[in-house]
Amino acid sequence: MLRRISVALVLLVALALVTGCGSGIQRTADPSAGDFYTEEEYQKLSKDQREAYCVGLLSEYEDAQDTAAQARDDVGKEQRASAELDVEMAKLTPRLKELKSEVDALSGEIAWYEGLPRVYVVQKGDFLYKISEMNEIYGDPLKWKRIYRANRELIADPNLIYPDWELTIPRDWPHSYTVKIGESLWRIAGYWEIYGDATMWSTIYEANQAEISNPDVIQPGQILTIPR
């Protein structure tokens, strides 16, 4: 569009320079507003009118040239910016592929974890140590105590469990804990599902000071907040 206007302006200027003088007309065209004389009107312009019109046409032509030059410059900048972005994308593509592979691997692990049983039915010959060692349970025989702690209402003696018992298999990291007989903050903090570090007992105490007046004395049935 800009190019067609520029060509039209050049033709009008050329026409103005080779056409003879007329007697003048009443209407005044304003090229800056996109208003031009028709060929018939131009033929009737006086010399002064033509000179003024030519000045306006040349001014518009120069403005159009400047606008076109600025547009070309802007296009060039955009093209260079686009090329730079293409280079950056090319650099990032390998890392994006790596991240996708990591996400896929994590998604697989999460799916596997979510599919692990949360209840185990005791079979003949089972014992807590053996159950805890199973890959689909904890894969670690030393974690049998968590199964015991989660099933104390059913298990009176951790050395005696019976076929067909349904044992709860905890999978979460608890945000609260119900105190059992004989427990202390030190002992609770040492459970691997709590902190696995008995020295962190003060963390539990600080979070439950409204309920615990003496950190050396906690009561069975007391529900403690476990900060995470």
Protein backbone atom coordinates (compact mmCIF):
# COMPACT_ATOMS: atom_id res chain seq x y z
CA MET A 1 0.00 0.00 0.00
CA LEU A 2 2.78 2.41 0.99
CA ARG A 3 4.63 1.58 -2.20
CA ARG A 4 1.55 2.30 -4.39
CA ILE A 5 1.06 5.70 -2.69
CA SER A 6 4.74 6.56 -3.24
CA VAL A 7 4.49 5.71 -6.96
CA ALA A 8 1.32 7.79 -7.27
CA LEU A 9 3.02 10.76 -5.60
CA VAL A 10 6.00 10.52 -7.97
CA LEU A 11 3.69 10.46 -11.01
CA LEU A 12 1.75 13.46 -9.74
CA VAL A 13 4.96 15.41 -9.15
CA ALA A 14 6.15 14.56 -12.65
CA LEU A 15 2.79 15.59 -14.06
CA ALA A 16 2.98 18.86 -12.15
CA LEU A 17 6.38 19.67 -13.59
CA VAL A 18 5.43 19.11 -17.28
CA THR A 19 1.88 20.49 -17.35
CA GLY A 20 1.11 24.10 -18.31
CA CYS A 21 -0.59 26.70 -16.09
CA GLY A 22 -4.37 26.99 -15.68
CA SER A 23 -6.69 29.69 -14.36
CA GLY A 24 -7.07 28.18 -10.90
CA ILE A 25 -9.88 26.42 -8.97
CA GLN A 26 -11.60 27.12 -5.65
CA ARG A 27 -10.87 23.74 -3.90
CA THR A 28 -7.53 23.24 -2.17
CA ALA A 29 -6.32 19.63 -1.93
CA ASP A 30 -4.32 18.55 1.15
CA PRO A 31 -1.89 15.72 0.33
CA SER A 32 -0.95 15.35 4.00
CA ALA A 33 -4.57 14.26 4.65
CA GLY A 34 -4.63 11.92 1.65
CA ASP A 35 -6.55 14.44 -0.44
CA PHE A 36 -5.35 14.88 -4.03
CA TYR A 37 -6.55 16.76 -7.10
CA THR A 38 -8.04 14.81 -9.95
CA GLU A 39 -6.26 15.11 -13.31
CA GLU A 40 -9.01 17.40 -14.53
CA GLU A 41 -8.69 19.64 -11.46
CA TYR A 42 -4.94 19.75 -11.81
CA GLN A 43 -5.21 21.02 -15.36
CA LYS A 44 -7.18 24.02 -14.06
CA LEU A 45 -4.76 25.00 -11.28
CA SER A 46 -2.99 28.33 -11.39
CA LYS A 47 0.80 28.47 -11.30
CA ASP A 48 0.85 29.38 -7.63
CA GLN A 49 -1.60 26.59 -6.80
CA ARG A 50 0.52 24.06 -8.69
CA GLU A 51 3.69 25.18 -6.95
CA ALA A 52 2.02 24.88 -3.54
CA TYR A 53 0.58 21.51 -4.52
CA CYS A 54 3.98 20.28 -5.71
CA VAL A 55 5.55 21.33 -2.42
CA GLY A 56 2.89 19.37 -0.55
CA LEU A 57 3.37 16.33 -2.81
CA LEU A 58 7.14 16.40 -2.37
CA SER A 59 6.77 16.72 1.39
CA GLU A 60 4.42 13.73 1.47
CA TYR A 61 6.74 11.76 -0.80
CA GLU A 62 9.70 12.45 1.48
CA ASP A 63 7.63 11.51 4.54
CA ALA A 64 6.58 8.31 2.78
CA GLN A 65 10.21 7.53 1.99
CA ASP A 66 11.18 8.13 5.62
CA THR A 67 8.31 5.93 6.79
CA ALA A 68 9.32 3.19 4.38
CA ALA A 69 12.94 3.40 5.53
CA GLN A 70 11.86 3.22 9.18
CA ALA A 71 9.61 0.26 8.38
CA ARG A 72 12.50 -1.53 6.66
CA ASP A 73 14.71 -0.81 9.66
CA ASP A 74 12.06 -2.13 12.06
CA VAL A 75 11.62 -5.26 9.96
CA GLY A 76 15.38 -5.78 9.99
CA LYS A 77 15.48 -5.47 13.78
CA GLU A 78 12.60 -7.93 14.14
CA GLN A 79 14.33 -10.38 11.81
CA ARG A 80 17.57 -10.12 13.78
CA ALA A 81 15.70 -10.58 17.06
CA SER A 82 13.91 -13.59 15.61
CA ALA A 83 17.22 -15.08 14.46
CA GLU A 84 18.68 -14.57 17.95
CA LEU A 85 15.65 -16.32 19.49
CA ASP A 86 16.12 -19.21 17.05
CA VAL A 87 19.72 -19.55 18.21
CA GLU A 88 18.65 -19.51 21.88
CA MET A 89 15.97 -22.10 21.21
CA ALA A 90 18.51 -24.29 19.47
CA LYS A 91 20.72 -24.06 22.58
CA LEU A 92 17.82 -24.85 24.91
CA THR A 93 16.41 -27.78 22.92
CA PRO A 94 18.88 -30.40 24.27
CA ARG A 95 18.23 -29.27 27.85
CA LEU A 96 14.47 -29.36 27.27
CA LYS A 97 14.81 -32.93 26.05
CA GLU A 98 16.80 -33.81 29.18
CA LEU A 99 14.16 -32.24 31.40
CA LYS A 100 11.41 -34.12 29.59
CA SER A 101 13.28 -37.38 30.17
CA GLU A 102 13.66 -36.51 33.86
CA VAL A 103 9.96 -35.66 34.15
CA ASP A 104 9.01 -38.92 32.42
CA ALA A 105 11.25 -40.85 34.80
CA LEU A 106 9.77 -39.09 37.84
CA SER A 107 6.25 -39.69 36.55
CA GLY A 108 7.08 -43.37 36.27
CA GLU A 109 8.41 -43.44 39.83
CA ILE A 110 5.34 -41.64 41.13
CA ALA A 111 3.04 -44.05 39.31
CA TRP A 112 4.97 -46.99 40.78
CA TYR A 113 4.83 -45.51 44.26
CA GLU A 114 1.10 -44.78 44.03
CA GLY A 115 0.54 -48.38 43.00
CA LEU A 116 2.20 -49.82 46.11
CA PRO A 117 -0.16 -51.61 48.51
CA ARG A 118 -1.47 -49.78 51.55
CA VAL A 119 -2.85 -52.97 53.07
CA TYR A 120 -1.09 -56.32 53.35
CA VAL A 121 -2.81 -59.61 54.10
CA VAL A 122 -0.60 -61.79 56.28
CA GLN A 123 0.34 -65.15 54.78
CA LYS A 124 1.41 -68.31 56.56
CA GLY A 125 5.05 -68.00 57.68
CA ASP A 126 5.07 -64.19 57.56
CA PHE A 127 6.58 -62.00 60.25
CA LEU A 128 6.96 -58.22 60.37
CA TYR A 129 10.68 -58.23 59.55
CA LYS A 130 10.01 -60.36 56.45
CA ILE A 131 7.04 -58.29 55.32
CA SER A 132 8.95 -55.01 55.67
CA GLU A 133 11.76 -56.43 53.51
CA MET A 134 9.43 -57.03 50.53
CA ASN A 135 10.09 -54.64 47.63
CA GLU A 136 6.42 -53.69 47.40
CA ILE A 137 6.32 -52.85 51.11
CA TYR A 138 9.48 -50.96 52.19
CA GLY A 139 12.35 -52.99 50.75
CA ASP A 140 14.01 -52.65 54.14
CA PRO A 141 13.51 -55.21 56.94
CA LEU A 142 14.58 -52.70 59.60
CA LYS A 143 11.47 -50.62 58.95
CA TRP A 144 9.17 -53.32 60.35
CA LYS A 145 8.54 -51.16 63.41
CA ARG A 146 6.49 -48.70 61.39
CA ILE A 147 4.11 -51.50 60.43
CA TYR A 148 3.92 -52.45 64.08
CA ARG A 149 3.25 -48.87 65.20
CA ALA A 150 0.50 -48.46 62.59
CA ASN A 151 -1.24 -51.69 63.70
CA ARG A 152 -0.91 -51.67 67.50
CA GLU A 153 -4.64 -52.05 67.96
CA LEU A 154 -4.35 -55.40 66.20
CA ILE A 155 -0.83 -56.53 67.16
CA ALA A 156 -0.28 -57.11 70.87
CA ASP A 157 3.10 -58.81 70.39
CA PRO A 158 5.19 -57.86 67.32
CA ASN A 159 6.57 -61.40 67.27
CA LEU A 160 3.08 -62.86 66.83
CA ILE A 161 1.03 -62.13 63.73
CA TYR A 162 -1.45 -64.49 62.10
CA PRO A 163 -2.53 -65.42 58.56
CA ASP A 164 -5.37 -63.37 57.04
CA TRP A 165 -4.72 -60.37 59.27
CA GLU A 166 -4.99 -57.16 57.24
CA LEU A 167 -2.13 -54.88 58.16
CA THR A 168 -2.09 -51.17 57.33
CA ILE A 169 1.05 -50.18 55.42
CA PRO A 170 1.67 -46.43 55.97
CA ARG A 171 2.97 -44.55 52.94
CA ASP A 172 2.86 -40.93 54.03
CA TRP A 173 5.03 -38.66 56.14
CA PRO A 174 2.63 -37.85 58.98
CA HIS A 175 1.86 -34.30 60.01
CA SER A 176 0.47 -35.50 63.34
CA TYR A 177 1.18 -38.38 65.72
CA THR A 178 -0.89 -39.98 68.49
CA VAL A 179 1.20 -40.74 71.56
CA LYS A 180 1.32 -44.39 72.70
CA ILE A 181 2.07 -45.77 76.17
CA GLY A 182 5.76 -45.55 77.09
CA GLU A 183 6.69 -43.05 74.38
CA SER A 184 8.68 -39.82 74.78
CA LEU A 185 9.39 -36.92 72.46
CA TRP A 186 12.94 -38.24 72.00
CA ARG A 187 11.67 -41.65 71.00
CA ILE A 188 8.97 -40.31 68.66
CA ALA A 189 11.42 -37.99 66.86
CA GLY A 190 13.67 -41.00 66.27
CA TYR A 191 11.01 -42.93 64.31
CA TRP A 192 12.11 -42.90 60.67
CA GLU A 193 8.69 -41.79 59.45
CA ILE A 194 8.85 -38.80 61.82
CA TYR A 195 12.42 -37.43 61.57
CA GLY A 196 14.66 -40.45 61.96
CA ASP A 197 16.65 -38.32 64.38
CA ALA A 198 15.89 -38.41 68.10
CA THR A 199 17.76 -35.13 68.69
CA MET A 200 14.98 -33.32 66.81
CA TRP A 201 12.55 -33.89 69.69
CA SER A 202 12.69 -30.14 70.46
CA THR A 203 11.09 -29.42 67.06
CA ILE A 204 8.02 -31.38 68.15
CA TYR A 205 8.05 -29.74 71.58
CA GLU A 206 8.22 -26.21 70.16
CA ALA A 207 5.28 -26.93 67.86
CA ASN A 208 3.17 -28.29 70.73
CA GLN A 209 4.04 -26.05 73.68
CA ALA A 210 0.37 -25.12 74.12
CA GLU A 211 -0.39 -28.79 74.93
CA ILE A 212 2.91 -29.83 76.56
CA SER A 213 3.84 -28.10 79.84
CA ASN A 214 6.78 -30.42 80.52
CA PRO A 215 8.68 -31.93 77.53
CA ASP A 216 9.60 -34.92 79.70
CA VAL A 217 5.94 -35.75 80.28
CA ILE A 218 3.53 -36.57 77.44
CA GLN A 219 0.33 -38.56 77.76
CA PRO A 220 -0.94 -41.57 75.75
CA GLY A 221 -3.64 -40.47 73.32
CA GLN A 222 -2.18 -36.98 73.01
CA ILE A 223 -2.15 -35.84 69.36
CA LEU A 224 1.08 -34.03 68.50
CA THR A 225 1.66 -31.77 65.50
CA ILE A 226 4.68 -32.87 63.46
CA PRO A 227 6.18 -29.87 61.61
CA ARG A 228 7.34 -30.52 58.05
